[in-house]
């Protein structure tokens, strides 16, 4: 089932990249400042909330698609780029967790090793400030992905 969910999310991501549709989602802010209210809510038995940060590194501009649960968006962005949003877990979430995916488009000349050609910029996914996935750029056409599970 996990493979089906992953491939379904990637198909949605690809379709979104092709159509160029999407909305800006998420909130900015420091992870440390927002962590205290989320920890207090979890201690009171409320749904677990995780802070997710998507990052694209390099220079130039790129189209990027990011997926977190049913939320997905495509944006044309200037690099370096960061998007932070909160993912709230529900009782109905699958035991396997929630897919997080970050798929960057190609950028012309993103670094010394990529001058004069198109390349995929490096990407990073962080959860609550900790890096959980990374791609140095070009090593995966899928970008970065991670299965987020609620905090124990």
N, C-alpha and C. Protein backbone atom coordinates (compact mmCIF):
# COMPACT_ATOMS: atom_id res chain seq x y z
N UNK A 1 0.82 -1.18 0.00
CA UNK A 1 0.00 0.00 0.00
C UNK A 1 0.86 1.25 0.00
N UNK A 2 1.99 1.21 0.69
CA UNK A 2 2.86 2.38 0.75
C UNK A 2 3.36 2.77 -0.63
N UNK A 3 3.70 1.77 -1.47
CA UNK A 3 4.16 2.06 -2.81
C UNK A 3 3.05 2.72 -3.61
N UNK A 4 1.82 2.27 -3.44
CA UNK A 4 0.70 2.86 -4.14
C UNK A 4 0.52 4.31 -3.72
N UNK A 5 0.59 4.59 -2.43
CA UNK A 5 0.45 5.96 -1.93
C UNK A 5 1.57 6.83 -2.46
N UNK A 6 2.81 6.32 -2.43
CA UNK A 6 3.96 7.08 -2.92
C UNK A 6 3.79 7.40 -4.40
N UNK A 7 3.47 6.40 -5.21
CA UNK A 7 3.34 6.63 -6.65
C UNK A 7 2.14 7.51 -6.96
N UNK A 8 1.07 7.40 -6.19
CA UNK A 8 -0.07 8.27 -6.40
C UNK A 8 0.31 9.72 -6.12
N UNK A 9 1.03 9.94 -5.02
CA UNK A 9 1.46 11.30 -4.68
C UNK A 9 2.41 11.84 -5.73
N UNK A 10 3.29 11.00 -6.25
CA UNK A 10 4.21 11.46 -7.29
C UNK A 10 3.48 11.76 -8.59
N UNK A 11 2.44 10.99 -8.90
CA UNK A 11 1.65 11.26 -10.10
C UNK A 11 0.93 12.59 -9.96
N UNK A 12 0.38 12.87 -8.78
CA UNK A 12 -0.27 14.15 -8.52
C UNK A 12 0.75 15.27 -8.65
N UNK A 13 1.95 15.05 -8.10
CA UNK A 13 3.01 16.05 -8.19
C UNK A 13 3.37 16.33 -9.63
N UNK A 14 3.54 15.30 -10.42
CA UNK A 14 3.89 15.47 -11.83
C UNK A 14 2.79 16.21 -12.57
N UNK A 15 1.54 15.86 -12.31
CA UNK A 15 0.42 16.54 -12.95
C UNK A 15 0.39 18.01 -12.57
N UNK A 16 0.69 18.30 -11.32
CA UNK A 16 0.70 19.68 -10.86
C UNK A 16 1.82 20.46 -11.53
N UNK A 17 2.99 19.85 -11.69
CA UNK A 17 4.10 20.51 -12.38
C UNK A 17 3.73 20.83 -13.82
N UNK A 18 3.06 19.91 -14.49
CA UNK A 18 2.70 20.11 -15.89
C UNK A 18 1.68 21.23 -16.01
N UNK A 19 0.68 21.26 -15.15
CA UNK A 19 -0.38 22.26 -15.27
C UNK A 19 0.03 23.61 -14.69
N UNK A 20 0.97 23.61 -13.74
CA UNK A 20 1.41 24.86 -13.14
C UNK A 20 0.41 25.44 -12.17
N UNK A 21 -0.55 24.61 -11.72
CA UNK A 21 -1.57 25.07 -10.79
C UNK A 21 -1.10 24.87 -9.37
N UNK A 22 -1.68 25.61 -8.44
CA UNK A 22 -1.36 25.42 -7.04
C UNK A 22 -1.60 26.70 -6.27
N UNK A 23 -1.45 26.58 -4.97
CA UNK A 23 -1.61 27.72 -4.11
C UNK A 23 -0.47 27.75 -3.13
N UNK A 24 -0.16 28.92 -2.61
CA UNK A 24 0.86 29.00 -1.57
C UNK A 24 0.27 28.49 -0.27
N UNK A 25 0.98 27.61 0.42
CA UNK A 25 0.51 27.06 1.68
C UNK A 25 1.57 27.26 2.72
N UNK A 26 1.17 27.24 3.96
CA UNK A 26 2.15 27.21 5.03
C UNK A 26 2.30 28.54 5.72
N UNK A 27 3.15 28.50 6.73
CA UNK A 27 3.42 29.68 7.51
C UNK A 27 4.90 29.78 7.73
N UNK A 28 5.36 30.98 7.93
CA UNK A 28 6.78 31.17 8.22
C UNK A 28 6.99 31.15 9.72
N UNK A 29 8.19 31.44 10.12
CA UNK A 29 8.45 31.55 11.56
C UNK A 29 9.51 30.60 12.01
N UNK A 30 9.99 30.85 13.19
CA UNK A 30 11.07 30.05 13.74
C UNK A 30 10.53 28.77 14.33
N UNK A 31 11.23 27.68 14.12
CA UNK A 31 10.82 26.38 14.64
C UNK A 31 10.80 26.35 16.15
N UNK A 32 11.78 26.97 16.80
CA UNK A 32 11.86 26.96 18.26
C UNK A 32 10.70 27.72 18.89
N UNK A 33 10.35 28.86 18.30
CA UNK A 33 9.27 29.67 18.86
C UNK A 33 7.93 28.97 18.75
N UNK A 34 7.72 28.21 17.67
CA UNK A 34 6.45 27.55 17.46
C UNK A 34 6.38 26.19 18.15
N UNK A 35 7.51 25.63 18.56
CA UNK A 35 7.53 24.28 19.14
C UNK A 35 6.84 24.23 20.50
N UNK A 36 6.96 25.25 21.32
CA UNK A 36 6.39 25.23 22.67
C UNK A 36 4.87 25.04 22.65
N UNK A 37 4.10 25.81 21.84
CA UNK A 37 2.65 25.59 21.82
C UNK A 37 2.29 24.20 21.31
N UNK A 38 3.04 23.66 20.32
CA UNK A 38 2.74 22.33 19.79
C UNK A 38 3.00 21.27 20.84
N UNK A 39 4.09 21.42 21.62
CA UNK A 39 4.39 20.45 22.68
C UNK A 39 3.33 20.50 23.77
N UNK A 40 2.87 21.69 24.11
CA UNK A 40 1.84 21.83 25.13
C UNK A 40 0.53 21.18 24.67
N UNK A 41 0.18 21.36 23.39
CA UNK A 41 -1.04 20.77 22.85
C UNK A 41 -0.95 19.25 22.88
N UNK A 42 0.21 18.69 22.52
CA UNK A 42 0.38 17.24 22.53
C UNK A 42 0.27 16.69 23.94
N UNK A 43 0.77 17.43 24.93
CA UNK A 43 0.72 16.99 26.32
C UNK A 43 -0.73 16.97 26.83
N UNK A 44 -1.60 17.78 26.24
CA UNK A 44 -3.00 17.84 26.67
C UNK A 44 -3.87 16.86 25.88
N UNK A 45 -3.27 15.97 25.08
CA UNK A 45 -4.02 14.97 24.35
C UNK A 45 -4.57 15.45 23.02
N UNK A 46 -4.19 16.63 22.56
CA UNK A 46 -4.64 17.12 21.26
C UNK A 46 -3.80 16.46 20.17
N UNK A 47 -4.25 16.54 18.91
CA UNK A 47 -3.50 15.92 17.82
C UNK A 47 -2.06 16.43 17.75
N UNK A 48 -1.15 15.53 17.39
CA UNK A 48 0.26 15.89 17.25
C UNK A 48 0.44 16.79 16.02
N UNK A 49 1.23 17.83 16.18
CA UNK A 49 1.52 18.75 15.10
C UNK A 49 3.03 18.75 14.88
N UNK A 50 3.45 18.58 13.63
CA UNK A 50 4.87 18.56 13.29
C UNK A 50 5.16 19.74 12.37
N UNK A 51 6.26 20.43 12.59
CA UNK A 51 6.70 21.55 11.76
C UNK A 51 7.58 21.00 10.65
N UNK A 52 7.17 21.21 9.40
CA UNK A 52 7.89 20.70 8.22
C UNK A 52 8.47 21.88 7.46
N UNK A 53 9.76 21.77 7.10
CA UNK A 53 10.42 22.81 6.33
C UNK A 53 10.98 22.19 5.06
N UNK A 54 10.59 22.76 3.92
CA UNK A 54 11.12 22.37 2.62
C UNK A 54 12.14 23.42 2.20
N UNK A 55 13.30 22.99 1.67
CA UNK A 55 14.33 23.94 1.23
C UNK A 55 14.86 23.53 -0.14
N UNK A 56 15.08 24.53 -0.99
CA UNK A 56 15.82 24.35 -2.24
C UNK A 56 17.03 25.25 -2.16
N UNK A 57 18.19 24.72 -2.53
CA UNK A 57 19.43 25.46 -2.46
C UNK A 57 19.87 25.84 -3.87
N UNK A 58 20.91 26.65 -3.97
CA UNK A 58 21.44 27.04 -5.26
C UNK A 58 21.07 28.47 -5.60
N UNK A 59 21.22 28.82 -6.87
CA UNK A 59 20.90 30.16 -7.36
C UNK A 59 20.03 30.04 -8.59
N UNK A 60 19.38 31.12 -8.93
CA UNK A 60 18.51 31.13 -10.10
C UNK A 60 17.06 31.02 -9.70
N UNK A 61 16.23 30.50 -10.59
CA UNK A 61 14.82 30.30 -10.28
C UNK A 61 14.40 28.93 -10.77
N UNK A 62 13.37 28.40 -10.13
CA UNK A 62 12.91 27.05 -10.44
C UNK A 62 11.43 26.94 -10.12
N UNK A 63 10.77 26.04 -10.81
CA UNK A 63 9.42 25.68 -10.41
C UNK A 63 9.56 24.54 -9.41
N UNK A 64 8.81 24.59 -8.32
CA UNK A 64 8.90 23.57 -7.29
C UNK A 64 7.50 23.10 -6.93
N UNK A 65 7.38 21.80 -6.68
CA UNK A 65 6.13 21.23 -6.18
C UNK A 65 6.43 20.57 -4.85
N UNK A 66 5.58 20.83 -3.87
CA UNK A 66 5.74 20.18 -2.57
C UNK A 66 4.41 19.58 -2.15
N UNK A 67 4.50 18.44 -1.45
CA UNK A 67 3.33 17.70 -1.02
C UNK A 67 3.47 17.39 0.46
N UNK A 68 2.43 17.65 1.22
CA UNK A 68 2.37 17.30 2.63
C UNK A 68 0.91 16.93 2.92
N UNK A 69 0.67 15.62 3.04
CA UNK A 69 -0.68 15.10 3.20
C UNK A 69 -1.46 15.40 1.94
N UNK A 70 -2.69 15.91 2.02
CA UNK A 70 -3.45 16.23 0.82
C UNK A 70 -3.09 17.59 0.25
N UNK A 71 -2.26 18.32 0.96
CA UNK A 71 -1.84 19.63 0.46
C UNK A 71 -0.73 19.45 -0.56
N UNK A 72 -0.90 20.05 -1.72
CA UNK A 72 0.19 20.11 -2.67
C UNK A 72 0.11 21.44 -3.38
N UNK A 73 1.27 21.94 -3.74
CA UNK A 73 1.32 23.25 -4.38
C UNK A 73 2.50 23.29 -5.32
N UNK A 74 2.37 24.11 -6.33
CA UNK A 74 3.46 24.37 -7.26
C UNK A 74 3.68 25.87 -7.29
N UNK A 75 4.94 26.26 -7.19
CA UNK A 75 5.29 27.68 -7.20
C UNK A 75 6.51 27.90 -8.09
N UNK A 76 6.61 29.07 -8.70
CA UNK A 76 7.82 29.50 -9.37
C UNK A 76 8.58 30.32 -8.31
N UNK A 77 9.81 29.90 -7.98
CA UNK A 77 10.52 30.51 -6.86
C UNK A 77 11.94 30.92 -7.25
N UNK A 78 12.49 31.86 -6.49
CA UNK A 78 13.89 32.23 -6.60
C UNK A 78 14.67 31.45 -5.56
N UNK A 79 15.84 30.98 -5.94
CA UNK A 79 16.67 30.18 -5.04
C UNK A 79 17.70 31.07 -4.35
N UNK A 80 18.08 30.75 -3.12
CA UNK A 80 17.56 29.68 -2.27
C UNK A 80 16.13 29.98 -1.82
N UNK A 81 15.37 28.92 -1.50
CA UNK A 81 13.95 29.02 -1.17
C UNK A 81 13.64 28.13 0.02
N UNK A 82 12.73 28.60 0.89
CA UNK A 82 12.29 27.84 2.06
C UNK A 82 10.78 27.99 2.22
N UNK A 83 10.11 26.90 2.56
CA UNK A 83 8.67 26.91 2.87
C UNK A 83 8.47 26.10 4.13
N UNK A 84 7.81 26.69 5.13
CA UNK A 84 7.55 26.01 6.40
C UNK A 84 6.04 25.91 6.59
N UNK A 85 5.60 24.72 7.01
CA UNK A 85 4.17 24.52 7.29
C UNK A 85 4.02 23.49 8.40
N UNK A 86 2.86 23.47 9.01
CA UNK A 86 2.56 22.51 10.07
C UNK A 86 1.69 21.38 9.53
N UNK A 87 2.00 20.16 9.94
CA UNK A 87 1.20 18.99 9.59
C UNK A 87 0.60 18.45 10.88
N UNK A 88 -0.73 18.43 10.95
CA UNK A 88 -1.44 17.93 12.13
C UNK A 88 -1.88 16.50 11.87
N UNK A 89 -1.56 15.61 12.79
CA UNK A 89 -1.96 14.22 12.65
C UNK A 89 -3.37 14.04 13.17
N UNK A 90 -4.12 13.15 12.48
CA UNK A 90 -5.49 12.84 12.85
C UNK A 90 -5.58 11.37 13.21
N UNK A 91 -6.60 11.01 13.94
CA UNK A 91 -6.81 9.60 14.32
C UNK A 91 -7.00 8.71 13.10
N UNK A 92 -7.44 9.29 11.98
CA UNK A 92 -7.70 8.51 10.77
C UNK A 92 -6.48 8.34 9.89
N UNK A 93 -5.33 8.90 10.27
CA UNK A 93 -4.12 8.77 9.46
C UNK A 93 -3.65 7.32 9.42
N UNK A 94 -3.08 6.90 8.27
CA UNK A 94 -2.59 5.52 8.19
C UNK A 94 -1.39 5.30 9.10
N UNK A 95 -1.22 4.07 9.55
CA UNK A 95 -0.08 3.74 10.42
C UNK A 95 1.24 4.00 9.73
N UNK A 96 1.27 3.90 8.39
CA UNK A 96 2.51 4.09 7.64
C UNK A 96 3.00 5.53 7.70
N UNK A 97 2.13 6.47 8.04
CA UNK A 97 2.52 7.87 8.13
C UNK A 97 2.00 8.69 6.95
N UNK A 98 2.53 9.89 6.83
CA UNK A 98 2.10 10.86 5.83
C UNK A 98 3.29 11.17 4.92
N UNK A 99 3.06 11.14 3.61
CA UNK A 99 4.13 11.40 2.65
C UNK A 99 4.44 12.89 2.59
N UNK A 100 5.73 13.22 2.66
CA UNK A 100 6.23 14.56 2.38
C UNK A 100 7.09 14.44 1.13
N UNK A 101 6.89 15.30 0.15
CA UNK A 101 7.69 15.26 -1.07
C UNK A 101 8.00 16.67 -1.54
N UNK A 102 9.20 16.83 -2.07
CA UNK A 102 9.67 18.11 -2.61
C UNK A 102 10.31 17.80 -3.96
N UNK A 103 9.71 18.31 -5.04
CA UNK A 103 10.19 18.01 -6.39
C UNK A 103 10.55 19.32 -7.08
N UNK A 104 11.87 19.60 -7.20
CA UNK A 104 12.28 20.84 -7.87
C UNK A 104 12.35 20.66 -9.38
N UNK A 105 12.14 21.75 -10.10
CA UNK A 105 12.36 21.75 -11.54
C UNK A 105 13.82 22.05 -11.83
N UNK A 106 14.21 21.95 -13.07
CA UNK A 106 15.60 22.19 -13.44
C UNK A 106 15.94 23.68 -13.41
N UNK A 107 17.22 23.94 -13.12
CA UNK A 107 17.75 25.31 -13.07
C UNK A 107 18.98 25.35 -13.96
N UNK A 108 19.18 26.43 -14.67
CA UNK A 108 20.36 26.57 -15.51
C UNK A 108 21.55 27.00 -14.67
N UNK A 109 22.60 26.16 -14.60
CA UNK A 109 23.84 26.50 -13.91
C UNK A 109 23.67 26.74 -12.43
N UNK A 110 23.38 25.71 -11.62
CA UNK A 110 23.15 25.89 -10.19
C UNK A 110 24.43 25.85 -9.36
N UNK A 111 25.57 25.71 -9.95
CA UNK A 111 26.83 25.67 -9.20
C UNK A 111 27.98 25.39 -10.14
N UNK A 112 29.21 25.42 -9.63
CA UNK A 112 30.39 25.23 -10.49
C UNK A 112 30.34 23.94 -11.30
N UNK A 113 29.81 22.87 -10.70
CA UNK A 113 29.77 21.59 -11.40
C UNK A 113 28.63 21.53 -12.42
N UNK A 114 27.74 22.54 -12.45
CA UNK A 114 26.60 22.51 -13.36
C UNK A 114 26.59 23.69 -14.32
N UNK A 115 27.66 24.47 -14.42
CA UNK A 115 27.67 25.63 -15.31
C UNK A 115 27.37 25.23 -16.75
N UNK A 116 26.65 26.09 -17.40
CA UNK A 116 26.32 25.94 -18.83
C UNK A 116 25.45 24.73 -19.14
N UNK A 117 24.70 24.24 -18.17
CA UNK A 117 23.74 23.17 -18.44
C UNK A 117 22.65 23.21 -17.37
N UNK A 118 21.55 22.52 -17.66
CA UNK A 118 20.44 22.44 -16.71
C UNK A 118 20.70 21.34 -15.69
N UNK A 119 20.30 21.59 -14.46
CA UNK A 119 20.47 20.61 -13.39
C UNK A 119 19.36 20.80 -12.37
N UNK A 120 19.11 19.77 -11.59
CA UNK A 120 18.14 19.84 -10.50
C UNK A 120 18.83 20.41 -9.27
N UNK A 121 18.27 21.45 -8.65
CA UNK A 121 18.92 22.02 -7.47
C UNK A 121 18.83 21.09 -6.26
N UNK A 122 19.77 21.21 -5.34
CA UNK A 122 19.73 20.40 -4.11
C UNK A 122 18.47 20.73 -3.30
N UNK A 123 17.92 19.71 -2.64
CA UNK A 123 16.74 19.91 -1.80
C UNK A 123 16.94 19.27 -0.43
N UNK A 124 16.19 19.79 0.55
CA UNK A 124 16.26 19.31 1.92
C UNK A 124 14.85 19.34 2.50
N UNK A 125 14.51 18.31 3.29
CA UNK A 125 13.29 18.32 4.08
C UNK A 125 13.70 18.21 5.54
N UNK A 126 13.14 19.11 6.38
CA UNK A 126 13.39 19.07 7.82
C UNK A 126 12.06 18.91 8.54
N UNK A 127 12.09 18.16 9.64
CA UNK A 127 10.91 18.00 10.50
C UNK A 127 11.31 18.45 11.89
N UNK A 128 10.61 19.43 12.42
CA UNK A 128 10.91 20.00 13.73
C UNK A 128 12.38 20.39 13.84
N UNK A 129 12.93 20.95 12.75
CA UNK A 129 14.30 21.44 12.74
C UNK A 129 15.36 20.40 12.42
N UNK A 130 15.00 19.12 12.34
CA UNK A 130 15.97 18.06 12.08
C UNK A 130 15.87 17.61 10.61
N UNK A 131 17.01 17.55 9.92
CA UNK A 131 17.02 17.12 8.52
C UNK A 131 16.67 15.64 8.44
N UNK A 132 15.65 15.32 7.60
CA UNK A 132 15.20 13.94 7.46
C UNK A 132 15.38 13.41 6.04
N UNK A 133 15.58 14.30 5.06
CA UNK A 133 15.79 13.88 3.68
C UNK A 133 16.58 14.95 2.95
N UNK A 134 17.42 14.52 2.00
CA UNK A 134 18.19 15.46 1.21
C UNK A 134 18.58 14.83 -0.12
N UNK A 135 18.74 15.67 -1.12
CA UNK A 135 19.26 15.26 -2.42
C UNK A 135 20.24 16.34 -2.85
N UNK A 136 21.44 15.94 -3.18
CA UNK A 136 22.49 16.91 -3.52
C UNK A 136 22.24 17.60 -4.85
N UNK A 137 21.23 17.19 -5.55
CA UNK A 137 20.90 17.80 -6.83
C UNK A 137 21.26 16.89 -7.97
N UNK A 138 20.25 16.45 -8.69
CA UNK A 138 20.47 15.63 -9.85
C UNK A 138 20.61 14.15 -9.58
N UNK A 139 20.75 13.72 -8.33
CA UNK A 139 20.94 12.30 -8.07
C UNK A 139 19.61 11.54 -8.07
N UNK A 140 18.47 12.27 -8.00
CA UNK A 140 17.17 11.61 -8.04
C UNK A 140 16.18 12.51 -8.77
N UNK A 141 15.47 11.95 -9.74
CA UNK A 141 14.45 12.72 -10.44
C UNK A 141 13.24 12.95 -9.53
N UNK A 142 13.18 12.22 -8.42
CA UNK A 142 12.07 12.37 -7.48
C UNK A 142 12.32 13.46 -6.46
N UNK A 143 13.49 14.09 -6.45
CA UNK A 143 13.77 15.12 -5.47
C UNK A 143 13.94 14.53 -4.09
N UNK A 144 13.27 15.11 -3.11
CA UNK A 144 13.35 14.63 -1.73
C UNK A 144 11.99 14.11 -1.30
N UNK A 145 11.99 13.00 -0.57
CA UNK A 145 10.73 12.51 0.00
C UNK A 145 11.00 11.86 1.34
N UNK A 146 9.97 11.86 2.18
CA UNK A 146 10.09 11.32 3.53
C UNK A 146 8.70 10.93 4.01
N UNK A 147 8.59 9.84 4.74
CA UNK A 147 7.31 9.45 5.34
C UNK A 147 7.31 9.93 6.79
N UNK A 148 6.43 10.87 7.06
CA UNK A 148 6.33 11.48 8.40
C UNK A 148 5.38 10.68 9.26
N UNK A 149 5.86 10.33 10.45
CA UNK A 149 5.03 9.61 11.41
C UNK A 149 4.83 10.50 12.63
N UNK A 150 3.73 10.30 13.36
CA UNK A 150 3.52 11.13 14.55
C UNK A 150 4.62 10.88 15.57
N UNK A 151 4.89 11.91 16.35
CA UNK A 151 5.93 11.78 17.40
C UNK A 151 5.49 10.70 18.38
N UNK A 152 6.45 9.90 18.87
CA UNK A 152 6.08 8.83 19.84
C UNK A 152 5.56 9.40 21.14
